[in-house]
Amino acid sequence: MKKLLPKVEDLYAFRFGAMWTYFKAQHFSFWMICAYLFLEFVRPQALIPALDILPYAQISLLGAMVGAVMDPTVKWVSSIANKLIILFFICILISIWFAEYPDVSKKHFMDFFGWFVIYFLIINIVNTKERFYVFLIIYLIAAGKIAFGTSKSWVFRGFSFTSWGLMGPKGYFQNSGELAILMLMLFPLAFYMYVALKNKAKTWEKFLLTIFWVCPILTILGASSRGAQIALVCQLLLMFRRSLLRPKALIGVLILCTAIFYLLPQEQKDRFSSTGDDKTSQQRILYWQHGWEMMKRYPYAGVGFFNFSPYYESHFSADMLYPFAELPHNIFVQVGTDAGFLAVFAFAGLILYAILASYGLTRFCIKHTEPPWSSVIAGLGVGVLGFFIAGEFVTVTYYPFLWIHLAFIVCFNNVIARKATSPAGEKNRGYE
């Protein structure tokens, strides 16, 4: 008699035995896409240099691609987001063709194409509630590990200020600003999951979930990224907007805000007071002003994919406050100078889809599904909002943040919302 696999309810919150039983019974394609997520975020080869002998993440992606072709459960998933991301990719291809510095563009081609492939692999392979939950937990634990390590570093140095903030593992999250945005994606997801599962979880599971939402806040404060700290405040206002008039919740929020204020080093407070006048702010303003000029001058295909820096050095050298021109420190200026206004439209559409779909799916799940699904999708959506706000001050368009959360949201729509039965007995079509 065939052994029954655990259902998603058997996996809450961290039933690792049940997860492993389910995981090992899955197709090779799911193993490989999970391996990619683990390797991209945890990067064991960076922690243990002796392991750094193979391109593990690329191998796992290749395995996922081969496995997806062989996996009989993989069916094409349709979504509005698919159309927008394909349009965005076409804009980038055109921009490379007409780039002012084509060699630079070609060198960076994989910076987006990799996410384009990963997005479609995730939404088609992660196609059941159980696969979705296991994949989500891998992401939660991997990002949570980074949050714990970096927040511990800040605590151990006495909550002091340093010019470099905090450093994550080598790769996408090593820089303090990018690390802080990862925390903005993790914090609301972990917090909402804690609220949804605390009555079902064991003591150690609740403790782990608490660490996963407290440590990101500490890391954001220690990272010294003004944009991320502004985004965190916006997230908190959104998440607790309905509770601010309740005495207990209001007291909790006031205590949290007071703690945040006193934990911030004086140097960080001084950075906020000097915003707009310091050298860093002035250079970013110049980037944005000249970036807008580039977009107006090259409205159809931009100056070329990743051509902002060499173009700026060539045409606006008088407004360089540092020896070299950086990227524009704004996701929309980056996209507009990379690939023109149509690309900005597609990119903004993807962000808008992620936020609106998560809002609509949250309301749907409150009525039609059991916990923690409404909490999961709400956390994913608030994370994208944090990315959007912080992205006005840093250049993180082609980092994992948006593309991974977008894939999660499309997967959620496919495996949770579309398969939920409405009161009328009809299947919900979801956000196509």
Foldseek 3Di string as FASTA:
>chain_A
DDDDQDDQVVCPPPPPVSLVSNVVPDFQLLVLLLQLLLCQQQVVCLVPVVPPPDPNNVVSLVSNVVRLVVDPQFDFFDFPLLVLVVLLLVLQVVQLVQAPDNVLSVVCNCLAVVLVSSLRSLLRRCAAPSSLNSSVVSNLVSLLVQLLVFLVVCVVVPLAADPQQTATGPDQGGGLLSNLLSLLLFQLLLVLQLVQCVVPDDPVSNVSSVSRNVSSLSSNLRSLQPLLVVLVVVLVCVVCVVPCPPVVVVVVVVVVVVVSVVSRHPVSVVCVVCQPPDPLNQLLVVLVVVLVVQQVVVAAFANAAVCSFVVCCVPVVVSDPDPGGDQNQAALSNSSNHRHDSSSVSLVVLLVCLQVLLVVVLVVCVPFHGPPLSSNSVSLNSSSSSCNRSRRGGHCNSPCRSSVSSSSSSSCQNHPQQCTADPVRDGDPGRD
